[in-house]
Amino acid sequence: MPELSRFFGIIIRMYYDDHPPPHFHAIYGQYEMQVGIDPIIILNGQLPRRAVSMVIEWAAIHQQELMDNWKRLEVNRTTLRIEPLD
């Protein structure tokens, strides 16, 4: 499960052979949330409110890179790291 980014204790990952729609997983401590890429929407799970807002902000900034990584995984290519939220 490739790690795409890490910021403020939040880990962003995508899983190989994951199901549609295109999405990523945000992990923060004991919490995990799946976030759709286009549109950016919470699909499942939860994080603390502040972590959710940071993940959504980060996803909006890097939406195209997230979609590119999803497409890379579909054809069994390695993912590319994405800059963390500052």
Protein backbone atom coordinates (compact mmCIF):
# COMPACT_ATOMS: atom_id res chain seq x y z
CA MET A 1 0.00 0.00 0.00
CA PRO A 2 1.91 3.02 -1.26
CA GLU A 3 2.22 6.05 0.99
CA LEU A 4 1.68 9.18 -1.06
CA SER A 5 2.19 11.84 1.59
CA ARG A 6 2.44 12.47 5.32
CA PHE A 7 1.66 15.69 7.19
CA PHE A 8 0.68 16.66 10.73
CA GLY A 9 0.47 12.98 11.72
CA ILE A 10 -1.86 12.15 8.82
CA ILE A 11 -0.78 9.42 6.40
CA ILE A 12 -2.20 9.39 2.87
CA ARG A 13 -2.23 6.04 1.08
CA MET A 14 -3.68 4.30 -1.94
CA TYR A 15 -4.08 0.55 -2.11
CA TYR A 16 -3.15 -1.69 -5.05
CA ASP A 17 -6.18 -3.22 -6.78
CA ASP A 18 -8.61 -1.04 -4.82
CA HIS A 19 -12.23 -0.69 -5.90
CA PRO A 20 -13.74 2.28 -7.76
CA PRO A 21 -14.48 5.14 -7.44
CA PRO A 22 -10.98 6.64 -7.43
CA HIS A 23 -10.12 7.43 -3.81
CA PHE A 24 -7.40 7.51 -1.19
CA HIS A 25 -7.17 6.57 2.46
CA ALA A 26 -6.28 9.09 5.17
CA ILE A 27 -5.05 7.54 8.42
CA TYR A 28 -4.65 9.50 11.64
CA GLY A 29 -3.90 7.46 14.75
CA GLN A 30 -6.76 5.01 15.23
CA TYR A 31 -8.95 6.74 12.63
CA GLU A 32 -9.24 6.05 8.91
CA MET A 33 -11.25 7.76 6.22
CA GLN A 34 -11.72 7.08 2.50
CA VAL A 35 -11.89 10.19 0.35
CA GLY A 36 -13.13 10.31 -3.24
CA ILE A 37 -10.89 12.20 -5.64
CA ASP A 38 -13.34 13.59 -8.20
CA PRO A 39 -15.40 14.94 -6.60
CA ILE A 40 -13.53 15.31 -3.34
CA ILE A 41 -15.97 13.76 -0.91
CA ILE A 42 -15.80 11.62 2.22
CA LEU A 43 -16.82 8.11 1.18
CA ASN A 44 -16.41 6.20 4.40
CA GLY A 45 -14.91 6.43 7.87
CA GLN A 46 -14.00 9.42 9.98
CA LEU A 47 -11.17 11.53 11.34
CA PRO A 48 -11.21 14.27 13.95
CA ARG A 49 -12.72 17.48 12.53
CA ARG A 50 -9.44 19.37 12.23
CA ALA A 51 -7.76 16.44 10.45
CA VAL A 52 -10.70 16.21 8.02
CA SER A 53 -10.34 19.86 7.06
CA MET A 54 -6.59 19.45 6.46
CA VAL A 55 -7.12 16.34 4.32
CA ILE A 56 -9.81 18.05 2.22
CA GLU A 57 -7.64 21.16 1.76
CA TRP A 58 -4.64 19.01 0.75
CA ALA A 59 -6.76 16.93 -1.66
CA ALA A 60 -8.09 20.07 -3.36
CA ILE A 61 -4.55 21.32 -3.93
CA HIS A 62 -3.33 17.96 -5.26
CA GLN A 63 -6.45 16.59 -6.95
CA GLN A 64 -4.79 16.04 -10.35
CA GLU A 65 -1.76 14.33 -8.78
CA LEU A 66 -4.09 12.05 -6.82
CA MET A 67 -5.96 11.08 -10.00
CA ASP A 68 -2.67 10.51 -11.82
CA ASN A 69 -1.53 8.17 -9.03
CA TRP A 70 -4.84 6.28 -9.15
CA LYS A 71 -4.32 5.75 -12.89
CA ARG A 72 -0.72 4.63 -12.30
CA LEU A 73 -1.91 1.95 -9.87
CA GLU A 74 -4.51 0.74 -12.38
CA VAL A 75 -1.71 -0.16 -14.80
CA ASN A 76 0.57 -1.57 -12.08
CA ARG A 77 2.99 1.35 -12.00
CA THR A 78 4.48 2.80 -8.84
CA THR A 79 2.96 5.92 -7.35
CA LEU A 80 4.68 9.27 -7.06
CA ARG A 81 5.04 11.13 -3.78
CA ILE A 82 2.90 14.23 -3.29
CA GLU A 83 4.04 17.27 -1.34
CA PRO A 84 2.63 17.47 2.19
CA LEU A 85 0.42 20.25 3.47
CA ASP A 86 2.51 23.09 4.90
